[in-house]
Each structure stands twice: as structure tokens, then as C-alpha cells.
Amino acid sequence: MGTPEQCPSVVSLLSESYNPHVRYGAAMALGICCAGTGNKEAINLLEPMTNDPVNYVRQGALIASALIMIQQTEVTCPKVNQFRQLYSKVINDKHDDVMAKFGAILAQGILDAGGHNVTISLQSRTGHTHMPSVVGVLVFTQFWFWFPLSHFLSLAYTPTCVIGLNKDLKMPKVQYKSNCKPSTFAYPAPLEVPKEKEKEKDETEKKEEKEKKKEPEPNFQLLDNPARVMPAQLKVLTMPETCRYQPFKPLSIGGIIILKDTSEDIEELVEPVAAHGPKIEEEEQEPEPPEPFEYIDD
């Protein structure tokens, strides 16, 4: 579990087994072991399995690929868009098998889990085994017996964030410096409704216009507290040199971090934001129950 890069070499022969159950097991092993890593070797093993003649092997390959590519971008994993299109194709194909469709639907949900703000991890931030996550993934793999068991995967979701707190456990206004281009860990672009083809402009003209509109991308990004920070991004996260706050533990651990205030000035705190969910309407007065009566059947 601590060395996911070793899994593809161990499972590579099993992924080509004559037994479809072994191939399915190899696919799920790759997905669970390399979850959230974007491992290229694992993806290369799963890619031919998405066209397997046995439908439940395809289902396992689709789910496993989403487990590996959760929270990956085009920069960190170039094949993520290719698999996203594959999921959409399988879901919308009326003639495809139900098992493959179910796998593609689960894969699409895993890839977009938590609004791209969570990843799948079987370990805590300090490297210890996180038992609820292990149990959640274990029960999730039994969805073939009863499909609602697939919801247990949510136990393995881990928020990818850095939340700085002061001595009073309140969030001060502070920024973190991500020393990489913003597109490396950016949110995926929203889906666009296909428009009618424009007759006046050719595709070459459109590409030229896009290239002209592109501005040079900065080599760093400042993130406000609390910040969405992916596991790979933690390695390049630092505090600005002029920042008044210093973390008690390394930022590379992520999660909730206590900050030490090195200035005597008044702190600026992050204002709490009200949730935008549905509001509970005031209960209307219910009518009183009717008086006792005797029912007579004519």
C-alpha cells in the first residue's frame, strides 16, 4: 500500500490471464492500489481491458481507471480526457451491455467525486492505515452482490485541502504560494453544450484565434485560506516570505494546520459564509383532528 508503483509489475501477467475473473481482480487491484496516483503503467494495463470481450471485466477496468485518475488533470495525466469521453460513450450507447454501463456510471461519479475536492486514500496524512477507508473500499468491491454497497466508497474519500487555524482555532486571512503553473492542478473545464457549426469560420481560424487570446501563464499561484490543495501540489506549497504566520508542522502534510502569529498587529479573520442549501420552511399549523364519531356502513 505504501509503494503503489510496484503493483503494475506484479499484476501485469494476471491482467492477461485466460480466466476473466482473474482479469477482473487484476483490474480492481490496480485501481485500489494506485488510487489517486495517476500511475501511467497502471493506466496502460487497464486501457486494453476496457475492450475486453467479457462485460464484467470491462466494468472493472472502467471503475479501476477512475480510481486511479481521480483528481488528475491533463497536465498530470494526459489520458484523463480520453477516458472521460469513453465513459460518456459507454453510458450513452443504447446497445452496450448493462454491466459495462453501470461500470461507466460509477467511473464517471468517482472521477468527479466531491466536486473534484476529494481523493481516495487508504492511509492517513501521517502514513498510517486508515481503517474506515479500508473497510469502505472492501465493502464497495461487493457491489456486484447488492448495488447500494457501492456507496461505501465514500468512506475512503479524503478532502484535499489546507486549512490554517490560529491559537483560537479560527481561520486567519493568509495566503499559500503554490510554486507551479495554475493549470497543473486546476479544476477541469465545465462541459459545454455543442453549438451549431459555423459556416463562416474554419477550424484553422478558430485555433488561430484561441492562440492569440492565450496569455502567458505565471509560474506560481497564491491560494487563499482555506485552500484546495491536491496531494501532489503539497510538495510545491510554501508560505510567502512576507507572511506573518508560520506553520507548526510542514505544509506538505496538508489538512488542518495550526499557524503561529509572529506579529502583534490585529488579526484579520475569514468571515464565515452561510450555506447555500435549501432552507427549512416554517411548519404550517396542522388542522385539529376530527371529533370522535361512529361510522355506519349503509
C-alpha atoms as a PDB file:
ATOM      1  CA  MET A   1       0.000   0.000   0.000  1.00  0.00           C
ATOM      2  CA  GLY A   2       2.918   2.335   0.641  1.00  0.00           C
ATOM      3  CA  THR A   3       4.538   1.598  -2.725  1.00  0.00           C
ATOM      4  CA  PRO A   4       1.771   1.672  -5.377  1.00  0.00           C
ATOM      5  CA  GLU A   5       4.301   1.937  -8.216  1.00  0.00           C
ATOM      6  CA  GLN A   6       5.200  -1.745  -7.670  1.00  0.00           C
ATOM      7  CA  CYS A   7       1.660  -3.001  -8.278  1.00  0.00           C
ATOM      8  CA  PRO A   8       1.615  -2.839 -12.139  1.00  0.00           C
ATOM      9  CA  SER A   9       4.666  -5.084 -12.464  1.00  0.00           C
ATOM     10  CA  VAL A  10       3.128  -7.635 -10.062  1.00  0.00           C
ATOM     11  CA  VAL A  11      -0.291  -7.685 -11.754  1.00  0.00           C
ATOM     12  CA  SER A  12       0.774  -7.321 -15.414  1.00  0.00           C
ATOM     13  CA  LEU A  13       0.706 -11.074 -16.167  1.00  0.00           C
ATOM     14  CA  LEU A  14      -2.574 -11.581 -14.304  1.00  0.00           C
ATOM     15  CA  SER A  15      -4.221  -8.881 -16.435  1.00  0.00           C
ATOM     16  CA  GLU A  16      -3.684 -11.143 -19.488  1.00  0.00           C
ATOM     17  CA  SER A  17      -4.994 -14.312 -17.834  1.00  0.00           C
ATOM     18  CA  TYR A  18      -7.379 -16.630 -19.731  1.00  0.00           C
ATOM     19  CA  ASN A  19      -9.709 -16.543 -16.703  1.00  0.00           C
ATOM     20  CA  PRO A  20     -11.989 -13.447 -16.803  1.00  0.00           C
ATOM     21  CA  HIS A  21     -12.392 -13.447 -13.012  1.00  0.00           C
ATOM     22  CA  VAL A  22      -8.618 -13.121 -12.629  1.00  0.00           C
ATOM     23  CA  ARG A  23      -8.550 -10.276 -15.152  1.00  0.00           C
ATOM     24  CA  TYR A  24     -11.327  -8.502 -13.240  1.00  0.00           C
ATOM     25  CA  GLY A  25      -9.437  -8.978  -9.965  1.00  0.00           C
ATOM     26  CA  ALA A  26      -6.236  -7.626 -11.527  1.00  0.00           C
ATOM     27  CA  ALA A  27      -8.089  -4.526 -12.731  1.00  0.00           C
ATOM     28  CA  MET A  28      -9.578  -3.818  -9.299  1.00  0.00           C
ATOM     29  CA  ALA A  29      -6.208  -4.450  -7.626  1.00  0.00           C
ATOM     30  CA  LEU A  30      -4.635  -1.819  -9.872  1.00  0.00           C
ATOM     31  CA  GLY A  31      -7.446   0.628  -9.129  1.00  0.00           C
ATOM     32  CA  ILE A  32      -7.321   0.228  -5.356  1.00  0.00           C
ATOM     33  CA  CYS A  33      -3.535   0.132  -5.030  1.00  0.00           C
ATOM     34  CA  CYS A  34      -2.841   3.079  -7.363  1.00  0.00           C
ATOM     35  CA  ALA A  35      -5.900   5.137  -6.374  1.00  0.00           C
ATOM     36  CA  GLY A  36      -5.398   8.845  -6.928  1.00  0.00           C
ATOM     37  CA  THR A  37      -1.825   8.471  -8.241  1.00  0.00           C
ATOM     38  CA  GLY A  38      -2.440   8.726 -11.997  1.00  0.00           C
ATOM     39  CA  ASN A  39       0.093   5.911 -12.478  1.00  0.00           C
ATOM     40  CA  LYS A  40       0.818   5.656 -16.230  1.00  0.00           C
ATOM     41  CA  GLU A  41       1.814   1.977 -16.148  1.00  0.00           C
ATOM     42  CA  ALA A  42      -1.432   1.023 -14.430  1.00  0.00           C
ATOM     43  CA  ILE A  43      -3.475   3.024 -16.944  1.00  0.00           C
ATOM     44  CA  ASN A  44      -1.642   1.361 -19.838  1.00  0.00           C
ATOM     45  CA  LEU A  45      -2.577  -2.051 -18.416  1.00  0.00           C
ATOM     46  CA  LEU A  46      -6.239  -1.057 -17.975  1.00  0.00           C
ATOM     47  CA  GLU A  47      -6.664   0.546 -21.389  1.00  0.00           C
ATOM     48  CA  PRO A  48      -6.910  -2.725 -23.414  1.00  0.00           C
ATOM     49  CA  MET A  49      -9.131  -4.223 -20.697  1.00  0.00           C
ATOM     50  CA  THR A  50     -11.809  -1.614 -21.435  1.00  0.00           C
ATOM     51  CA  ASN A  51     -12.394  -3.517 -24.708  1.00  0.00           C
ATOM     52  CA  ASP A  52     -12.416  -6.971 -23.092  1.00  0.00           C
ATOM     53  CA  PRO A  53     -14.925  -9.470 -24.584  1.00  0.00           C
ATOM     54  CA  VAL A  54     -16.273 -10.193 -21.069  1.00  0.00           C
ATOM     55  CA  ASN A  55     -18.544  -7.415 -19.836  1.00  0.00           C
ATOM     56  CA  TYR A  56     -17.748  -7.559 -16.117  1.00  0.00           C
ATOM     57  CA  VAL A  57     -14.042  -7.276 -16.924  1.00  0.00           C
ATOM     58  CA  ARG A  58     -14.832  -4.080 -18.836  1.00  0.00           C
ATOM     59  CA  GLN A  59     -16.820  -2.911 -15.829  1.00  0.00           C
ATOM     60  CA  GLY A  60     -13.853  -3.484 -13.508  1.00  0.00           C
ATOM     61  CA  ALA A  61     -11.437  -1.756 -15.894  1.00  0.00           C
ATOM     62  CA  LEU A  62     -13.677   1.324 -16.154  1.00  0.00           C
ATOM     63  CA  ILE A  63     -14.065   1.609 -12.375  1.00  0.00           C
ATOM     64  CA  ALA A  64     -10.358   0.992 -11.740  1.00  0.00           C
ATOM     65  CA  SER A  65      -9.315   3.644 -14.268  1.00  0.00           C
ATOM     66  CA  ALA A  66     -11.477   6.230 -12.471  1.00  0.00           C
ATOM     67  CA  LEU A  67      -9.994   5.257  -9.103  1.00  0.00           C
ATOM     68  CA  ILE A  68      -6.509   5.888 -10.484  1.00  0.00           C
ATOM     69  CA  MET A  69      -7.345   9.144 -12.266  1.00  0.00           C
ATOM     70  CA  ILE A  70      -9.452  10.798  -9.573  1.00  0.00           C
ATOM     71  CA  GLN A  71      -8.424  14.488  -9.258  1.00  0.00           C
ATOM     72  CA  GLN A  72      -5.980  14.203 -12.174  1.00  0.00           C
ATOM     73  CA  THR A  73      -5.693  16.935 -14.805  1.00  0.00           C
ATOM     74  CA  GLU A  74      -4.487  16.937 -18.405  1.00  0.00           C
ATOM     75  CA  VAL A  75      -1.072  18.094 -17.201  1.00  0.00           C
ATOM     76  CA  THR A  76      -0.592  15.397 -14.562  1.00  0.00           C
ATOM     77  CA  CYS A  77      -2.348  12.621 -16.551  1.00  0.00           C
ATOM     78  CA  PRO A  78      -2.779  13.268 -20.304  1.00  0.00           C
ATOM     79  CA  LYS A  79      -5.234  10.377 -20.798  1.00  0.00           C
ATOM     80  CA  VAL A  80      -7.871  11.636 -18.366  1.00  0.00           C
ATOM     81  CA  ASN A  81      -9.946  13.317 -21.103  1.00  0.00           C
ATOM     82  CA  GLN A  82      -9.718  10.213 -23.293  1.00  0.00           C
ATOM     83  CA  PHE A  83     -11.211   8.068 -20.519  1.00  0.00           C
ATOM     84  CA  ARG A  84     -13.813  10.708 -19.703  1.00  0.00           C
ATOM     85  CA  GLN A  85     -15.025  10.526 -23.311  1.00  0.00           C
ATOM     86  CA  LEU A  86     -15.018   6.721 -23.096  1.00  0.00           C
ATOM     87  CA  TYR A  87     -17.295   6.802 -20.019  1.00  0.00           C
ATOM     88  CA  SER A  88     -19.705   9.132 -21.809  1.00  0.00           C
ATOM     89  CA  LYS A  89     -19.703   6.939 -24.912  1.00  0.00           C
ATOM     90  CA  VAL A  90     -20.498   3.751 -22.952  1.00  0.00           C
ATOM     91  CA  ILE A  91     -23.221   5.462 -20.908  1.00  0.00           C
ATOM     92  CA  ASN A  92     -24.975   6.921 -23.964  1.00  0.00           C
ATOM     93  CA  ASP A  93     -24.668   3.821 -26.168  1.00  0.00           C
ATOM     94  CA  LYS A  94     -28.119   2.195 -26.175  1.00  0.00           C
ATOM     95  CA  HIS A  95     -26.746  -1.104 -27.448  1.00  0.00           C
ATOM     96  CA  ASP A  96     -23.975  -1.502 -24.872  1.00  0.00           C
ATOM     97  CA  ASP A  97     -24.199  -4.057 -22.080  1.00  0.00           C
ATOM     98  CA  VAL A  98     -25.840  -3.099 -18.783  1.00  0.00           C
ATOM     99  CA  MET A  99     -22.821  -4.204 -16.715  1.00  0.00           C
ATOM    100  CA  ALA A 100     -20.450  -2.016 -18.716  1.00  0.00           C
ATOM    101  CA  LYS A 101     -22.911   0.893 -18.461  1.00  0.00           C
ATOM    102  CA  PHE A 102     -23.083   0.515 -14.676  1.00  0.00           C
ATOM    103  CA  GLY A 103     -19.276   0.498 -14.504  1.00  0.00           C
ATOM    104  CA  ALA A 104     -19.067   3.629 -16.650  1.00  0.00           C
ATOM    105  CA  ILE A 105     -21.660   5.417 -14.488  1.00  0.00           C
ATOM    106  CA  LEU A 106     -19.719   4.573 -11.319  1.00  0.00           C
ATOM    107  CA  ALA A 107     -16.463   5.615 -13.008  1.00  0.00           C
ATOM    108  CA  GLN A 108     -17.947   8.973 -14.047  1.00  0.00           C
ATOM    109  CA  GLY A 109     -19.106   9.590 -10.484  1.00  0.00           C
ATOM    110  CA  ILE A 110     -15.747   8.610  -8.973  1.00  0.00           C
ATOM    111  CA  LEU A 111     -13.848  10.859 -11.381  1.00  0.00           C
ATOM    112  CA  ASP A 112     -15.987  13.873 -10.349  1.00  0.00           C
ATOM    113  CA  ALA A 113     -16.326  12.886  -6.683  1.00  0.00           C
ATOM    114  CA  GLY A 114     -16.818  15.698  -4.204  1.00  0.00           C
ATOM    115  CA  GLY A 115     -16.709  18.333  -6.920  1.00  0.00           C
ATOM    116  CA  HIS A 116     -13.021  17.465  -7.517  1.00  0.00           C
ATOM    117  CA  ASN A 117     -12.265  18.385  -3.908  1.00  0.00           C
ATOM    118  CA  VAL A 118     -11.601  14.864  -2.569  1.00  0.00           C
ATOM    119  CA  THR A 119      -9.306  11.977  -3.373  1.00  0.00           C
ATOM    120  CA  ILE A 120      -9.237   8.302  -2.388  1.00  0.00           C
ATOM    121  CA  SER A 121      -6.678   7.285   0.202  1.00  0.00           C
ATOM    122  CA  LEU A 122      -6.336   4.210   2.420  1.00  0.00           C
ATOM    123  CA  GLN A 123      -3.798   5.977   4.607  1.00  0.00           C
ATOM    124  CA  SER A 124      -3.937   8.916   6.972  1.00  0.00           C
ATOM    125  CA  ARG A 125      -1.913  12.062   6.278  1.00  0.00           C
ATOM    126  CA  THR A 126       0.864  10.733   8.529  1.00  0.00           C
ATOM    127  CA  GLY A 127       1.108   7.423   6.638  1.00  0.00           C
ATOM    128  CA  HIS A 128      -0.845   5.126   8.982  1.00  0.00           C
ATOM    129  CA  THR A 129      -3.541   2.765   7.738  1.00  0.00           C
ATOM    130  CA  HIS A 130      -6.962   4.433   7.893  1.00  0.00           C
ATOM    131  CA  MET A 131      -9.293   1.594   8.829  1.00  0.00           C
ATOM    132  CA  PRO A 132     -12.618   3.251   7.832  1.00  0.00           C
ATOM    133  CA  SER A 133     -11.210   3.797   4.323  1.00  0.00           C
ATOM    134  CA  VAL A 134     -10.060   0.181   4.071  1.00  0.00           C
ATOM    135  CA  VAL A 135     -13.463  -1.090   5.191  1.00  0.00           C
ATOM    136  CA  GLY A 136     -15.231   1.288   2.790  1.00  0.00           C
ATOM    137  CA  VAL A 137     -13.241   0.063  -0.223  1.00  0.00           C
ATOM    138  CA  LEU A 138     -13.664  -3.563   0.864  1.00  0.00           C
ATOM    139  CA  VAL A 139     -17.452  -3.285   1.052  1.00  0.00           C
ATOM    140  CA  PHE A 140     -17.509  -1.249  -2.184  1.00  0.00           C
ATOM    141  CA  THR A 141     -15.949  -4.156  -4.076  1.00  0.00           C
ATOM    142  CA  GLN A 142     -19.012  -6.263  -3.154  1.00  0.00           C
ATOM    143  CA  PHE A 143     -21.401  -4.028  -5.159  1.00  0.00           C
ATOM    144  CA  TRP A 144     -21.921  -6.964  -7.577  1.00  0.00           C
ATOM    145  CA  PHE A 145     -23.948  -8.661  -4.804  1.00  0.00           C
ATOM    146  CA  TRP A 146     -26.080  -5.617  -3.919  1.00  0.00           C
ATOM    147  CA  PHE A 147     -25.555  -2.373  -5.811  1.00  0.00           C
ATOM    148  CA  PRO A 148     -26.219   0.020  -2.846  1.00  0.00           C
ATOM    149  CA  LEU A 149     -22.948  -1.243  -1.335  1.00  0.00           C
ATOM    150  CA  SER A 150     -21.170   0.999  -3.847  1.00  0.00           C
ATOM    151  CA  HIS A 151     -21.970   3.966  -1.571  1.00  0.00           C
ATOM    152  CA  PHE A 152     -19.432   2.648   0.952  1.00  0.00           C
ATOM    153  CA  LEU A 153     -16.650   4.048  -1.238  1.00  0.00           C
ATOM    154  CA  SER A 154     -17.416   7.466   0.267  1.00  0.00           C
ATOM    155  CA  LEU A 155     -15.691   6.274   3.478  1.00  0.00           C
ATOM    156  CA  ALA A 156     -12.389   6.358   1.572  1.00  0.00           C
ATOM    157  CA  TYR A 157     -12.804   9.923   0.308  1.00  0.00           C
ATOM    158  CA  THR A 158     -10.297  12.341   1.842  1.00  0.00           C
ATOM    159  CA  PRO A 159     -10.655  16.138   1.456  1.00  0.00           C
ATOM    160  CA  THR A 160      -7.706  17.672  -0.386  1.00  0.00           C
ATOM    161  CA  CYS A 161      -7.295  20.928   1.468  1.00  0.00           C
ATOM    162  CA  VAL A 162      -5.080  23.050   3.654  1.00  0.00           C
ATOM    163  CA  ILE A 163      -6.879  24.886   6.454  1.00  0.00           C
ATOM    164  CA  GLY A 164      -4.801  27.200   8.599  1.00  0.00           C
ATOM    165  CA  LEU A 165      -6.020  27.977  12.125  1.00  0.00           C
ATOM    166  CA  ASN A 166      -4.724  30.396  14.748  1.00  0.00           C
ATOM    167  CA  LYS A 167      -4.390  29.803  18.505  1.00  0.00           C
ATOM    168  CA  ASP A 168      -8.146  30.383  18.921  1.00  0.00           C
ATOM    169  CA  LEU A 169      -8.913  27.765  16.225  1.00  0.00           C
ATOM    170  CA  LYS A 170     -10.196  30.464  13.871  1.00  0.00           C
ATOM    171  CA  MET A 171      -9.179  30.927  10.234  1.00  0.00           C
ATOM    172  CA  PRO A 172      -6.962  33.977   9.702  1.00  0.00           C
ATOM    173  CA  LYS A 173      -6.661  35.671   6.323  1.00  0.00           C
ATOM    174  CA  VAL A 174      -3.476  34.173   4.910  1.00  0.00           C
ATOM    175  CA  GLN A 175      -2.216  33.026   1.522  1.00  0.00           C
ATOM    176  CA  TYR A 176      -0.203  29.987   0.442  1.00  0.00           C
ATOM    177  CA  LYS A 177       2.189  30.022  -2.506  1.00  0.00           C
ATOM    178  CA  SER A 178       1.877  27.153  -4.995  1.00  0.00           C
ATOM    179  CA  ASN A 179       5.156  27.079  -6.951  1.00  0.00           C
ATOM    180  CA  CYS A 180       3.737  25.680 -10.187  1.00  0.00           C
ATOM    181  CA  LYS A 181       1.544  26.861 -13.024  1.00  0.00           C
ATOM    182  CA  PRO A 182      -2.166  27.231 -12.111  1.00  0.00           C
ATOM    183  CA  SER A 183      -3.243  24.863 -14.911  1.00  0.00           C
ATOM    184  CA  THR A 184      -1.273  21.977 -13.365  1.00  0.00           C
ATOM    185  CA  PHE A 185      -3.846  21.438 -10.599  1.00  0.00           C
ATOM    186  CA  ALA A 186      -6.794  23.449 -11.906  1.00  0.00           C
ATOM    187  CA  TYR A 187     -10.420  22.324 -11.964  1.00  0.00           C
ATOM    188  CA  PRO A 188     -11.486  20.687 -15.243  1.00  0.00           C
ATOM    189  CA  ALA A 189     -13.330  22.906 -17.679  1.00  0.00           C
ATOM    190  CA  PRO A 190     -17.157  22.705 -17.434  1.00  0.00           C
ATOM    191  CA  LEU A 191     -18.990  20.756 -20.103  1.00  0.00           C
ATOM    192  CA  GLU A 192     -20.164  22.888 -22.996  1.00  0.00           C
ATOM    193  CA  VAL A 193     -23.376  22.405 -24.940  1.00  0.00           C
ATOM    194  CA  PRO A 194     -22.458  21.555 -28.562  1.00  0.00           C
ATOM    195  CA  LYS A 195     -23.204  24.514 -30.816  1.00  0.00           C
ATOM    196  CA  GLU A 196     -24.206  24.513 -34.459  1.00  0.00           C
ATOM    197  CA  LYS A 197     -21.317  24.530 -36.897  1.00  0.00           C
ATOM    198  CA  GLU A 198     -20.422  27.962 -38.091  1.00  0.00           C
ATOM    199  CA  LYS A 199     -20.086  28.075 -41.843  1.00  0.00           C
ATOM    200  CA  GLU A 200     -18.085  31.288 -41.956  1.00  0.00           C
ATOM    201  CA  LYS A 201     -15.116  30.232 -39.840  1.00  0.00           C
ATOM    202  CA  ASP A 202     -12.988  27.185 -40.414  1.00  0.00           C
ATOM    203  CA  GLU A 203     -11.386  25.170 -37.649  1.00  0.00           C
ATOM    204  CA  THR A 204      -7.968  26.595 -38.510  1.00  0.00           C
ATOM    205  CA  GLU A 205      -9.225  30.141 -37.980  1.00  0.00           C
ATOM    206  CA  LYS A 206     -10.680  29.197 -34.599  1.00  0.00           C
ATOM    207  CA  LYS A 207      -7.362  27.691 -33.478  1.00  0.00           C
ATOM    208  CA  GLU A 208      -5.501  30.835 -34.502  1.00  0.00           C
ATOM    209  CA  GLU A 209      -7.932  32.979 -32.509  1.00  0.00           C
ATOM    210  CA  LYS A 210      -7.517  30.805 -29.409  1.00  0.00           C
ATOM    211  CA  GLU A 211      -3.730  31.027 -29.646  1.00  0.00           C
ATOM    212  CA  LYS A 212      -3.915  34.815 -29.861  1.00  0.00           C
ATOM    213  CA  LYS A 213      -6.201  35.004 -26.809  1.00  0.00           C
ATOM    214  CA  LYS A 214      -3.885  32.840 -24.686  1.00  0.00           C
ATOM    215  CA  GLU A 215      -1.852  34.853 -22.208  1.00  0.00           C
ATOM    216  CA  PRO A 216       1.452  33.703 -20.725  1.00  0.00           C
ATOM    217  CA  GLU A 217       0.750  31.646 -17.599  1.00  0.00           C
ATOM    218  CA  PRO A 218       2.520  32.590 -14.342  1.00  0.00           C
ATOM    219  CA  ASN A 219       4.881  30.092 -12.703  1.00  0.00           C
ATOM    220  CA  PHE A 220       3.180  30.315  -9.304  1.00  0.00           C
ATOM    221  CA  GLN A 221      -0.231  30.852  -7.743  1.00  0.00           C
ATOM    222  CA  LEU A 222      -1.402  32.371  -4.455  1.00  0.00           C
ATOM    223  CA  LEU A 223      -4.151  30.417  -2.694  1.00  0.00           C
ATOM    224  CA  ASP A 224      -6.394  31.936  -0.034  1.00  0.00           C
ATOM    225  CA  ASN A 225      -7.039  30.192   3.272  1.00  0.00           C
ATOM    226  CA  PRO A 226      -8.807  27.716   3.301  1.00  0.00           C
ATOM    227  CA  ALA A 227      -7.344  26.326   0.078  1.00  0.00           C
ATOM    228  CA  ARG A 228      -7.945  23.330  -2.184  1.00  0.00           C
ATOM    229  CA  VAL A 229      -4.544  21.651  -2.432  1.00  0.00           C
ATOM    230  CA  MET A 230      -4.086  18.281  -4.128  1.00  0.00           C
ATOM    231  CA  PRO A 231      -1.619  15.699  -2.682  1.00  0.00           C
ATOM    232  CA  ALA A 232       0.958  16.231  -5.454  1.00  0.00           C
ATOM    233  CA  GLN A 233       0.602  20.000  -5.019  1.00  0.00           C
ATOM    234  CA  LEU A 234       1.597  19.814  -1.336  1.00  0.00           C
ATOM    235  CA  LYS A 235       5.205  19.203  -2.418  1.00  0.00           C
ATOM    236  CA  VAL A 236       5.396  22.642  -4.060  1.00  0.00           C
ATOM    237  CA  LEU A 237       3.381  24.564  -1.429  1.00  0.00           C
ATOM    238  CA  THR A 238       5.178  27.166   0.688  1.00  0.00           C
ATOM    239  CA  MET A 239       4.369  30.197   2.810  1.00  0.00           C
ATOM    240  CA  PRO A 240       5.123  33.612   1.235  1.00  0.00           C
ATOM    241  CA  GLU A 241       8.293  35.243   2.560  1.00  0.00           C
ATOM    242  CA  THR A 242       6.409  38.275   3.873  1.00  0.00           C
ATOM    243  CA  CYS A 243       3.752  36.214   5.655  1.00  0.00           C
ATOM    244  CA  ARG A 244       3.227  36.934   9.352  1.00  0.00           C
ATOM    245  CA  TYR A 245       2.160  33.345  10.032  1.00  0.00           C
ATOM    246  CA  GLN A 246       4.386  30.285  10.292  1.00  0.00           C
ATOM    247  CA  PRO A 247       3.080  26.685  10.408  1.00  0.00           C
ATOM    248  CA  PHE A 248       3.892  24.489  13.410  1.00  0.00           C
ATOM    249  CA  LYS A 249       4.135  21.430  11.131  1.00  0.00           C
ATOM    250  CA  PRO A 250       5.185  21.171   7.454  1.00  0.00           C
ATOM    251  CA  LEU A 251       2.618  22.235   4.865  1.00  0.00           C
ATOM    252  CA  SER A 252       3.383  19.020   2.955  1.00  0.00           C
ATOM    253  CA  ILE A 253       1.234  17.090   5.452  1.00  0.00           C
ATOM    254  CA  GLY A 254      -1.851  19.094   4.463  1.00  0.00           C
ATOM    255  CA  GLY A 255      -5.189  19.130   6.237  1.00  0.00           C
ATOM    256  CA  ILE A 256      -5.708  21.327   9.307  1.00  0.00           C
ATOM    257  CA  ILE A 257      -2.530  23.191  10.291  1.00  0.00           C
ATOM    258  CA  ILE A 258      -2.034  25.424  13.324  1.00  0.00           C
ATOM    259  CA  LEU A 259      -0.293  28.693  12.466  1.00  0.00           C
ATOM    260  CA  LYS A 260       1.958  30.769  14.716  1.00  0.00           C
ATOM    261  CA  ASP A 261       1.407  34.523  14.558  1.00  0.00           C
ATOM    262  CA  THR A 262       4.751  36.367  14.518  1.00  0.00           C
ATOM    263  CA  SER A 263       3.182  39.847  14.524  1.00  0.00           C
ATOM    264  CA  GLU A 264       1.447  41.830  17.263  1.00  0.00           C
ATOM    265  CA  ASP A 265      -0.964  43.538  14.865  1.00  0.00           C
ATOM    266  CA  ILE A 266      -4.679  42.800  14.950  1.00  0.00           C
ATOM    267  CA  GLU A 267      -5.576  39.656  13.041  1.00  0.00           C
ATOM    268  CA  GLU A 268      -7.937  39.619  10.081  1.00  0.00           C
ATOM    269  CA  LEU A 269     -10.186  36.562  10.171  1.00  0.00           C
ATOM    270  CA  VAL A 270     -12.002  34.814   7.357  1.00  0.00           C
ATOM    271  CA  GLU A 271     -15.667  35.726   7.590  1.00  0.00           C
ATOM    272  CA  PRO A 272     -17.977  32.710   7.909  1.00  0.00           C
ATOM    273  CA  VAL A 273     -20.164  32.106   4.887  1.00  0.00           C
ATOM    274  CA  ALA A 274     -23.739  30.895   5.225  1.00  0.00           C
ATOM    275  CA  ALA A 275     -24.518  27.636   3.472  1.00  0.00           C
ATOM    276  CA  HIS A 276     -26.451  27.976   0.224  1.00  0.00           C
ATOM    277  CA  GLY A 277     -28.503  24.836   0.761  1.00  0.00           C
ATOM    278  CA  PRO A 278     -32.295  24.653   0.933  1.00  0.00           C
ATOM    279  CA  LYS A 279     -33.813  26.453   3.888  1.00  0.00           C
ATOM    280  CA  ILE A 280     -36.293  24.733   6.170  1.00  0.00           C
ATOM    281  CA  GLU A 281     -39.678  26.335   5.751  1.00  0.00           C
ATOM    282  CA  GLU A 282     -41.693  27.163   8.820  1.00  0.00           C
ATOM    283  CA  GLU A 283     -44.102  24.405   9.654  1.00  0.00           C
ATOM    284  CA  GLU A 284     -47.689  25.351   8.970  1.00  0.00           C
ATOM    285  CA  GLN A 285     -50.293  24.852  11.658  1.00  0.00           C
ATOM    286  CA  GLU A 286     -51.878  21.447  11.226  1.00  0.00           C
ATOM    287  CA  PRO A 287     -55.661  21.184  11.451  1.00  0.00           C
ATOM    288  CA  GLU A 288     -57.071  19.676  14.634  1.00  0.00           C
ATOM    289  CA  PRO A 289     -58.182  16.034  14.473  1.00  0.00           C
ATOM    290  CA  PRO A 290     -61.932  15.466  13.988  1.00  0.00           C
ATOM    291  CA  GLU A 291     -64.195  14.783  16.943  1.00  0.00           C
ATOM    292  CA  PRO A 292     -64.987  11.152  17.751  1.00  0.00           C
ATOM    293  CA  PHE A 293     -67.692   9.721  15.522  1.00  0.00           C
ATOM    294  CA  GLU A 294     -69.311   6.413  14.732  1.00  0.00           C
ATOM    295  CA  TYR A 295     -69.017   5.076  11.196  1.00  0.00           C
ATOM    296  CA  ILE A 296     -72.153   3.411   9.836  1.00  0.00           C
ATOM    297  CA  ASP A 297     -71.860   1.385   6.647  1.00  0.00           C
ATOM    298  CA  ASP A 298     -75.093   1.625   4.589  1.00  0.00           C
END
